Amino acid sequence: MSVTLEKTWRAGRFWWDSSRPSDADPQPLRALIFDLDALADVEVGGHRCAFNAAFAAHGLPLHWSAARYRKLLALGDERQRVAAELRARGVCTECDVLARVLIDDVCTTKAMLVDETMLGCDLDPRPGLVELITEGYTAGVAVGVVADGRRSWVQPLVRQLVGDGLVDTVVTADDVSTPADAYRLALAELGAPAHDTLAFAGTRAGVRNALTAGLAAEVVGPEARADYDGLRLADCRRLRGRFAAGGRSAAA
């Protein structure tokens, strides 16, 4: 049975910190690809705010706190989250035709507001990742970012989080039709094969997208301690090697 490395970075420590393997024969690494949720908590810090603005625009007495929104993220679809909130607040019933219209209107308004919201939100990069990207850039490791949003707000946000000149390519929903295709296009633009690349995703769904594209992938958790000293490029090579040793072909 194949083994997939799908570990989580939580409480400021990666899973290998307690016992690091030898640095002998590190796995070659030519590229790192991050999805936008790996760089920052875009869902809670951005999309949540856009939804709150949409609720206000429709005169709804709803406001999602960060804690409430994190619980709703268990529902994979935005419409499901809005529907669940409306039902929980007694605004509608599950079979209410008018409720479906309201859900459509809220989601449409949110989509119209997301560009402005994302460009105005004060998002911080996840601890240690900017330093990792900088180290990769200095070492000649190509860096890409993939996102399911529009380039009009994704590219400025990447620049805000990482800075200018460190990311070699940004692939957005304007470029491809599926998340897995975003990784494939990023690989092509970086000129790196999947078997020499490591991906980081902010959700397990994002990890699955990377795996579908044939990449080794790690999921990044939302919490990090103040004393966390960051992931290094050598750690990424070890991760890539562990993935290959697990019996799964990264080129599949």
C-alpha atoms as a PDB file:
ATOM      1  CA  MET A   1       0.000   0.000   0.000  1.00  0.00           C
ATOM      2  CA  SER A   2       1.372   3.399  -0.939  1.00  0.00           C
ATOM      3  CA  VAL A   3       2.075   5.904   1.807  1.00  0.00           C
ATOM      4  CA  THR A   4       1.337   9.588   1.342  1.00  0.00           C
ATOM      5  CA  LEU A   5       3.134  12.147   3.465  1.00  0.00           C
ATOM      6  CA  GLU A   6       0.330  14.498   4.423  1.00  0.00           C
ATOM      7  CA  LYS A   7       1.515  15.916   7.732  1.00  0.00           C
ATOM      8  CA  THR A   8       0.445  19.071   9.488  1.00  0.00           C
ATOM      9  CA  TRP A   9       2.452  22.049  10.735  1.00  0.00           C
ATOM     10  CA  ARG A  10       0.814  22.937  14.054  1.00  0.00           C
ATOM     11  CA  ALA A  11       1.739  24.746  17.242  1.00  0.00           C
ATOM     12  CA  GLY A  12       4.880  26.054  15.544  1.00  0.00           C
ATOM     13  CA  ARG A  13       6.533  22.667  15.046  1.00  0.00           C
ATOM     14  CA  PHE A  14       6.805  20.421  12.057  1.00  0.00           C
ATOM     15  CA  TRP A  15       6.431  16.692  12.559  1.00  0.00           C
ATOM     16  CA  TRP A  16      10.098  15.891  12.006  1.00  0.00           C
ATOM     17  CA  ASP A  17      11.490  18.339  14.605  1.00  0.00           C
ATOM     18  CA  SER A  18      11.867  15.737  17.351  1.00  0.00           C
ATOM     19  CA  SER A  19      14.149  13.481  15.344  1.00  0.00           C
ATOM     20  CA  ARG A  20      15.774  14.794  12.190  1.00  0.00           C
ATOM     21  CA  PRO A  21      17.279  12.270   9.789  1.00  0.00           C
ATOM     22  CA  SER A  22      20.765  12.419   8.367  1.00  0.00           C
ATOM     23  CA  ASP A  23      21.548  15.032   5.700  1.00  0.00           C
ATOM     24  CA  ALA A  24      23.299  12.403   3.553  1.00  0.00           C
ATOM     25  CA  ASP A  25      22.124  12.181  -0.050  1.00  0.00           C
ATOM     26  CA  PRO A  26      19.374  14.797   0.158  1.00  0.00           C
ATOM     27  CA  GLN A  27      16.606  14.597  -2.407  1.00  0.00           C
ATOM     28  CA  PRO A  28      17.186  17.026  -5.309  1.00  0.00           C
ATOM     29  CA  LEU A  29      14.827  19.982  -5.103  1.00  0.00           C
ATOM     30  CA  ARG A  30      14.290  22.320  -8.034  1.00  0.00           C
ATOM     31  CA  ALA A  31      11.056  24.062  -7.112  1.00  0.00           C
ATOM     32  CA  LEU A  32       8.653  24.922  -4.301  1.00  0.00           C
ATOM     33  CA  ILE A  33       4.993  25.613  -5.030  1.00  0.00           C
ATOM     34  CA  PHE A  34       2.684  27.188  -2.452  1.00  0.00           C
ATOM     35  CA  ASP A  35      -1.036  27.617  -2.688  1.00  0.00           C
ATOM     36  CA  LEU A  36      -2.259  30.959  -1.419  1.00  0.00           C
ATOM     37  CA  ASP A  37      -3.723  29.434   1.744  1.00  0.00           C
ATOM     38  CA  ALA A  38      -0.257  28.124   2.640  1.00  0.00           C
ATOM     39  CA  LEU A  39       1.145  31.649   2.567  1.00  0.00           C
ATOM     40  CA  ALA A  40      -1.555  33.205   4.767  1.00  0.00           C
ATOM     41  CA  ASP A  41      -4.937  32.494   6.326  1.00  0.00           C
ATOM     42  CA  VAL A  42      -6.790  33.883   3.319  1.00  0.00           C
ATOM     43  CA  GLU A  43     -10.085  32.202   4.177  1.00  0.00           C
ATOM     44  CA  VAL A  44     -10.480  33.721   7.632  1.00  0.00           C
ATOM     45  CA  GLY A  45      -8.603  36.960   6.992  1.00  0.00           C
ATOM     46  CA  GLY A  46     -10.098  37.661   3.570  1.00  0.00           C
ATOM     47  CA  HIS A  47     -13.086  35.624   2.387  1.00  0.00           C
ATOM     48  CA  ARG A  48     -14.781  35.838   5.798  1.00  0.00           C
ATOM     49  CA  CYS A  49     -14.603  39.627   5.663  1.00  0.00           C
ATOM     50  CA  ALA A  50     -16.061  39.653   2.146  1.00  0.00           C
ATOM     51  CA  PHE A  51     -18.988  37.553   3.352  1.00  0.00           C
ATOM     52  CA  ASN A  52     -19.590  39.881   6.294  1.00  0.00           C
ATOM     53  CA  ALA A  53     -19.684  42.809   3.871  1.00  0.00           C
ATOM     54  CA  ALA A  54     -22.151  40.895   1.677  1.00  0.00           C
ATOM     55  CA  PHE A  55     -24.391  40.167   4.669  1.00  0.00           C
ATOM     56  CA  ALA A  56     -24.413  43.877   5.512  1.00  0.00           C
ATOM     57  CA  ALA A  57     -25.174  44.811   1.902  1.00  0.00           C
ATOM     58  CA  HIS A  58     -28.295  42.639   2.027  1.00  0.00           C
ATOM     59  CA  GLY A  59     -29.391  43.947   5.418  1.00  0.00           C
ATOM     60  CA  LEU A  60     -28.842  40.603   7.133  1.00  0.00           C
ATOM     61  CA  PRO A  61     -28.036  40.679  10.871  1.00  0.00           C
ATOM     62  CA  LEU A  62     -25.178  38.223  10.409  1.00  0.00           C
ATOM     63  CA  HIS A  63     -21.489  38.591  11.175  1.00  0.00           C
ATOM     64  CA  TRP A  64     -19.059  35.686  11.097  1.00  0.00           C
ATOM     65  CA  SER A  65     -16.393  35.678  13.776  1.00  0.00           C
ATOM     66  CA  ALA A  66     -13.103  33.947  13.004  1.00  0.00           C
ATOM     67  CA  ALA A  67     -14.043  31.057  15.295  1.00  0.00           C
ATOM     68  CA  ARG A  68     -17.477  30.607  13.714  1.00  0.00           C
ATOM     69  CA  TYR A  69     -16.064  30.733  10.184  1.00  0.00           C
ATOM     70  CA  ARG A  70     -13.424  28.118  10.991  1.00  0.00           C
ATOM     71  CA  LYS A  71     -16.206  25.750  12.063  1.00  0.00           C
ATOM     72  CA  LEU A  72     -18.120  26.429   8.853  1.00  0.00           C
ATOM     73  CA  LEU A  73     -15.033  25.581   6.784  1.00  0.00           C
ATOM     74  CA  ALA A  74     -15.906  21.944   7.458  1.00  0.00           C
ATOM     75  CA  LEU A  75     -18.483  22.565   4.716  1.00  0.00           C
ATOM     76  CA  GLY A  76     -16.528  22.624   1.477  1.00  0.00           C
ATOM     77  CA  ASP A  77     -18.882  24.882  -0.478  1.00  0.00           C
ATOM     78  CA  GLU A  78     -19.549  28.573   0.175  1.00  0.00           C
ATOM     79  CA  ARG A  79     -23.250  28.198  -0.550  1.00  0.00           C
ATOM     80  CA  GLN A  80     -23.486  25.424   2.037  1.00  0.00           C
ATOM     81  CA  ARG A  81     -21.870  27.678   4.637  1.00  0.00           C
ATOM     82  CA  VAL A  82     -24.311  30.498   3.975  1.00  0.00           C
ATOM     83  CA  ALA A  83     -27.269  28.093   4.006  1.00  0.00           C
ATOM     84  CA  ALA A  84     -26.118  26.563   7.295  1.00  0.00           C
ATOM     85  CA  GLU A  85     -25.808  29.989   8.891  1.00  0.00           C
ATOM     86  CA  LEU A  86     -29.227  31.108   7.681  1.00  0.00           C
ATOM     87  CA  ARG A  87     -30.817  27.952   9.060  1.00  0.00           C
ATOM     88  CA  ALA A  88     -28.955  28.264  12.371  1.00  0.00           C
ATOM     89  CA  ARG A  89     -30.240  31.829  12.770  1.00  0.00           C
ATOM     90  CA  GLY A  90     -33.791  30.892  11.786  1.00  0.00           C
ATOM     91  CA  VAL A  91     -33.704  33.117   8.716  1.00  0.00           C
ATOM     92  CA  CYS A  92     -35.038  30.363   6.459  1.00  0.00           C
ATOM     93  CA  THR A  93     -35.787  26.675   6.153  1.00  0.00           C
ATOM     94  CA  GLU A  94     -33.884  24.197   4.032  1.00  0.00           C
ATOM     95  CA  CYS A  95     -36.730  23.944   1.496  1.00  0.00           C
ATOM     96  CA  ASP A  96     -37.451  27.648   1.289  1.00  0.00           C
ATOM     97  CA  VAL A  97     -37.291  28.748  -2.366  1.00  0.00           C
ATOM     98  CA  LEU A  98     -36.727  32.339  -1.324  1.00  0.00           C
ATOM     99  CA  ALA A  99     -33.822  31.184   0.817  1.00  0.00           C
ATOM    100  CA  ARG A 100     -32.111  29.704  -2.229  1.00  0.00           C
ATOM    101  CA  VAL A 101     -32.519  33.020  -4.008  1.00  0.00           C
ATOM    102  CA  LEU A 102     -31.083  34.833  -0.975  1.00  0.00           C
ATOM    103  CA  ILE A 103     -28.129  32.443  -0.825  1.00  0.00           C
ATOM    104  CA  ASP A 104     -27.443  33.071  -4.518  1.00  0.00           C
ATOM    105  CA  ASP A 105     -27.646  36.823  -3.988  1.00  0.00           C
ATOM    106  CA  VAL A 106     -25.301  36.765  -0.987  1.00  0.00           C
ATOM    107  CA  CYS A 107     -22.709  34.654  -2.807  1.00  0.00           C
ATOM    108  CA  THR A 108     -22.947  36.846  -5.922  1.00  0.00           C
ATOM    109  CA  THR A 109     -22.449  39.979  -3.846  1.00  0.00           C
ATOM    110  CA  LYS A 110     -19.543  38.377  -2.006  1.00  0.00           C
ATOM    111  CA  ALA A 111     -17.888  37.560  -5.349  1.00  0.00           C
ATOM    112  CA  MET A 112     -18.284  41.203  -6.400  1.00  0.00           C
ATOM    113  CA  LEU A 113     -16.755  42.437  -3.144  1.00  0.00           C
ATOM    114  CA  VAL A 114     -13.883  39.974  -2.835  1.00  0.00           C
ATOM    115  CA  ASP A 115     -11.399  41.950  -4.979  1.00  0.00           C
ATOM    116  CA  GLU A 116     -11.812  45.109  -2.925  1.00  0.00           C
ATOM    117  CA  THR A 117     -11.832  43.168   0.337  1.00  0.00           C
ATOM    118  CA  MET A 118      -8.675  41.209  -0.428  1.00  0.00           C
ATOM    119  CA  LEU A 119      -6.795  44.302  -1.527  1.00  0.00           C
ATOM    120  CA  GLY A 120      -7.789  46.070   1.685  1.00  0.00           C
ATOM    121  CA  CYS A 121      -7.351  43.276   4.224  1.00  0.00           C
ATOM    122  CA  ASP A 122      -4.367  43.204   6.550  1.00  0.00           C
ATOM    123  CA  LEU A 123      -3.095  39.648   6.087  1.00  0.00           C
ATOM    124  CA  ASP A 124       0.196  38.455   7.546  1.00  0.00           C
ATOM    125  CA  PRO A 125       2.302  35.653   6.058  1.00  0.00           C
ATOM    126  CA  ARG A 126       2.505  32.437   8.035  1.00  0.00           C
ATOM    127  CA  PRO A 127       5.589  32.367  10.300  1.00  0.00           C
ATOM    128  CA  GLY A 128       8.739  31.088   8.617  1.00  0.00           C
ATOM    129  CA  LEU A 129       7.440  30.812   5.066  1.00  0.00           C
ATOM    130  CA  VAL A 130       8.794  34.101   3.725  1.00  0.00           C
ATOM    131  CA  GLU A 131      12.212  33.152   5.092  1.00  0.00           C
ATOM    132  CA  LEU A 132      11.944  29.772   3.368  1.00  0.00           C
ATOM    133  CA  ILE A 133      11.011  31.401   0.061  1.00  0.00           C
ATOM    134  CA  THR A 134      13.928  33.814   0.405  1.00  0.00           C
ATOM    135  CA  GLU A 135      16.334  30.950   1.086  1.00  0.00           C
ATOM    136  CA  GLY A 136      14.972  29.063  -1.909  1.00  0.00           C
ATOM    137  CA  TYR A 137      15.363  32.074  -4.167  1.00  0.00           C
ATOM    138  CA  THR A 138      18.953  32.595  -2.991  1.00  0.00           C
ATOM    139  CA  ALA A 139      19.763  28.913  -3.602  1.00  0.00           C
ATOM    140  CA  GLY A 140      18.311  28.956  -7.110  1.00  0.00           C
ATOM    141  CA  VAL A 141      15.191  26.955  -6.224  1.00  0.00           C
ATOM    142  CA  ALA A 142      12.255  28.193  -8.298  1.00  0.00           C
ATOM    143  CA  VAL A 143       9.193  29.371  -6.388  1.00  0.00           C
ATOM    144  CA  GLY A 144       5.597  29.380  -7.605  1.00  0.00           C
ATOM    145  CA  VAL A 145       2.225  30.292  -6.119  1.00  0.00           C
ATOM    146  CA  VAL A 146      -1.145  28.895  -7.195  1.00  0.00           C
ATOM    147  CA  ALA A 147      -4.539  30.306  -6.243  1.00  0.00           C
ATOM    148  CA  ASP A 148      -8.193  29.767  -7.065  1.00  0.00           C
ATOM    149  CA  GLY A 149      -8.899  33.509  -7.095  1.00  0.00           C
ATOM    150  CA  ARG A 150      -8.604  36.127  -9.815  1.00  0.00           C
ATOM    151  CA  ARG A 151      -5.248  37.626 -10.746  1.00  0.00           C
ATOM    152  CA  SER A 152      -6.567  41.139 -10.066  1.00  0.00           C
ATOM    153  CA  TRP A 153      -6.296  40.529  -6.313  1.00  0.00           C
ATOM    154  CA  VAL A 154      -4.097  37.428  -6.052  1.00  0.00           C
ATOM    155  CA  GLN A 155      -0.968  38.975  -7.562  1.00  0.00           C
ATOM    156  CA  PRO A 156      -1.020  42.121  -5.386  1.00  0.00           C
ATOM    157  CA  LEU A 157      -1.682  39.970  -2.313  1.00  0.00           C
ATOM    158  CA  VAL A 158       1.277  37.695  -3.089  1.00  0.00           C
ATOM    159  CA  ARG A 159       3.433  40.798  -3.464  1.00  0.00           C
ATOM    160  CA  GLN A 160       2.145  42.100  -0.116  1.00  0.00           C
ATOM    161  CA  LEU A 161       2.869  38.799   1.650  1.00  0.00           C
ATOM    162  CA  VAL A 162       6.208  37.857   0.098  1.00  0.00           C
ATOM    163  CA  GLY A 163       7.651  40.970  -1.507  1.00  0.00           C
ATOM    164  CA  ASP A 164       8.800  41.691  -5.049  1.00  0.00           C
ATOM    165  CA  GLY A 165      11.023  39.447  -7.117  1.00  0.00           C
ATOM    166  CA  LEU A 166      11.013  36.280  -4.992  1.00  0.00           C
ATOM    167  CA  VAL A 167       8.174  34.410  -6.716  1.00  0.00           C
ATOM    168  CA  ASP A 168       8.861  33.210 -10.254  1.00  0.00           C
ATOM    169  CA  THR A 169       5.264  32.522 -11.303  1.00  0.00           C
ATOM    170  CA  VAL A 170       1.738  33.061 -10.023  1.00  0.00           C
ATOM    171  CA  VAL A 171      -1.040  30.909 -11.506  1.00  0.00           C
ATOM    172  CA  THR A 172      -4.641  31.946 -10.853  1.00  0.00           C
ATOM    173  CA  ALA A 173      -8.178  30.928 -11.758  1.00  0.00           C
ATOM    174  CA  ASP A 174      -7.880  33.240 -14.767  1.00  0.00           C
ATOM    175  CA  ASP A 175      -5.281  30.861 -16.230  1.00  0.00           C
ATOM    176  CA  VAL A 176      -6.738  27.374 -15.669  1.00  0.00           C
ATOM    177  CA  SER A 177     -10.052  25.620 -15.056  1.00  0.00           C
ATOM    178  CA  THR A 178      -9.092  23.235 -12.218  1.00  0.00           C
ATOM    179  CA  PRO A 179      -6.816  23.482  -9.151  1.00  0.00           C
ATOM    180  CA  ALA A 180      -4.720  20.502 -10.298  1.00  0.00           C
ATOM    181  CA  ASP A 181      -4.150  22.236 -13.638  1.00  0.00           C
ATOM    182  CA  ALA A 182      -2.853  25.255 -11.713  1.00  0.00           C
ATOM    183  CA  TYR A 183      -0.051  23.088 -10.293  1.00  0.00           C
ATOM    184  CA  ARG A 184       0.667  21.600 -13.721  1.00  0.00           C
ATOM    185  CA  LEU A 185       0.911  25.034 -15.312  1.00  0.00           C
ATOM    186  CA  ALA A 186       3.132  26.266 -12.481  1.00  0.00           C
ATOM    187  CA  LEU A 187       5.479  23.316 -13.052  1.00  0.00           C
ATOM    188  CA  ALA A 188       5.628  24.106 -16.767  1.00  0.00           C
ATOM    189  CA  GLU A 189       6.336  27.785 -16.167  1.00  0.00           C
ATOM    190  CA  LEU A 190       8.993  26.989 -13.564  1.00  0.00           C
ATOM    191  CA  GLY A 191      10.613  24.413 -15.849  1.00  0.00           C
ATOM    192  CA  ALA A 192      10.697  21.883 -13.011  1.00  0.00           C
ATOM    193  CA  PRO A 193       9.586  18.236 -13.040  1.00  0.00           C
ATOM    194  CA  ALA A 194       7.060  17.099 -10.445  1.00  0.00           C
ATOM    195  CA  HIS A 195       9.507  14.597  -8.938  1.00  0.00           C
ATOM    196  CA  ASP A 196      11.913  17.415  -8.017  1.00  0.00           C
ATOM    197  CA  THR A 197       9.239  19.707  -6.566  1.00  0.00           C
ATOM    198  CA  LEU A 198       7.554  20.055  -3.169  1.00  0.00           C
ATOM    199  CA  ALA A 199       4.154  21.693  -2.714  1.00  0.00           C
ATOM    200  CA  PHE A 200       2.669  23.324   0.379  1.00  0.00           C
ATOM    201  CA  ALA A 201      -1.085  23.763   0.784  1.00  0.00           C
ATOM    202  CA  GLY A 202      -3.157  25.460   3.448  1.00  0.00           C
ATOM    203  CA  THR A 203      -5.871  22.788   3.475  1.00  0.00           C
ATOM    204  CA  ARG A 204      -6.148  19.055   2.950  1.00  0.00           C
ATOM    205  CA  ALA A 205      -8.220  19.768  -0.154  1.00  0.00           C
ATOM    206  CA  GLY A 206      -5.256  21.756  -1.439  1.00  0.00           C
ATOM    207  CA  VAL A 207      -2.942  18.825  -0.725  1.00  0.00           C
ATOM    208  CA  ARG A 208      -5.234  16.555  -2.726  1.00  0.00           C
ATOM    209  CA  ASN A 209      -5.066  18.988  -5.656  1.00  0.00           C
ATOM    210  CA  ALA A 210      -1.266  18.876  -5.570  1.00  0.00           C
ATOM    211  CA  LEU A 211      -1.242  15.078  -5.334  1.00  0.00           C
ATOM    212  CA  THR A 212      -3.551  14.904  -8.353  1.00  0.00           C
ATOM    213  CA  ALA A 213      -0.949  16.889 -10.284  1.00  0.00           C
ATOM    214  CA  GLY A 214       1.720  14.362  -9.247  1.00  0.00           C
ATOM    215  CA  LEU A 215       3.435  16.446  -6.577  1.00  0.00           C
ATOM    216  CA  ALA A 216       4.694  15.605  -3.123  1.00  0.00           C
ATOM    217  CA  ALA A 217       2.686  17.837  -0.815  1.00  0.00           C
ATOM    218  CA  GLU A 218       2.487  18.999   2.787  1.00  0.00           C
ATOM    219  CA  VAL A 219      -0.380  20.724   4.563  1.00  0.00           C
ATOM    220  CA  VAL A 220       0.350  23.839   6.622  1.00  0.00           C
ATOM    221  CA  GLY A 221      -1.667  24.392   9.806  1.00  0.00           C
ATOM    222  CA  PRO A 222      -2.965  27.724  11.104  1.00  0.00           C
ATOM    223  CA  GLU A 223      -1.021  27.996  14.354  1.00  0.00           C
ATOM    224  CA  ALA A 224       2.621  28.730  15.103  1.00  0.00           C
ATOM    225  CA  ARG A 225       4.400  29.587  18.342  1.00  0.00           C
ATOM    226  CA  ALA A 226       6.266  32.848  18.651  1.00  0.00           C
ATOM    227  CA  ASP A 227       9.556  30.953  19.128  1.00  0.00           C
ATOM    228  CA  TYR A 228       9.194  28.910  15.933  1.00  0.00           C
ATOM    229  CA  ASP A 229      12.478  29.171  14.029  1.00  0.00           C
ATOM    230  CA  GLY A 230      11.209  28.280  10.564  1.00  0.00           C
ATOM    231  CA  LEU A 231      11.494  25.555   7.971  1.00  0.00           C
ATOM    232  CA  ARG A 232      14.734  25.348   5.981  1.00  0.00           C
ATOM    233  CA  LEU A 233      15.475  24.213   2.456  1.00  0.00           C
ATOM    234  CA  ALA A 234      17.293  21.128   3.768  1.00  0.00           C
ATOM    235  CA  ASP A 235      14.083  20.127   5.548  1.00  0.00           C
ATOM    236  CA  CYS A 236      12.193  20.393   2.264  1.00  0.00           C
ATOM    237  CA  ARG A 237      14.706  18.095   0.585  1.00  0.00           C
ATOM    238  CA  ARG A 238      14.247  15.555   3.365  1.00  0.00           C
ATOM    239  CA  LEU A 239      10.480  15.812   3.047  1.00  0.00           C
ATOM    240  CA  ARG A 240      10.711  15.249  -0.684  1.00  0.00           C
ATOM    241  CA  GLY A 241      12.928  12.229  -0.071  1.00  0.00           C
ATOM    242  CA  ARG A 242      10.551  10.773   2.516  1.00  0.00           C
ATOM    243  CA  PHE A 243       7.667  11.119   0.099  1.00  0.00           C
ATOM    244  CA  ALA A 244       9.601   9.265  -2.605  1.00  0.00           C
ATOM    245  CA  ALA A 245      10.604   6.554  -0.137  1.00  0.00           C
ATOM    246  CA  GLY A 246       6.956   6.070   0.796  1.00  0.00           C
ATOM    247  CA  GLY A 247       6.343   4.205  -2.422  1.00  0.00           C
ATOM    248  CA  ARG A 248       4.193   6.728  -4.244  1.00  0.00           C
ATOM    249  CA  SER A 249       5.378   7.957  -7.627  1.00  0.00           C
ATOM    250  CA  ALA A 250       5.346  11.740  -7.705  1.00  0.00           C
ATOM    251  CA  ALA A 251       5.108  11.617 -11.486  1.00  0.00           C
ATOM    252  CA  ALA A 252       1.902   9.562 -11.432  1.00  0.00           C
END
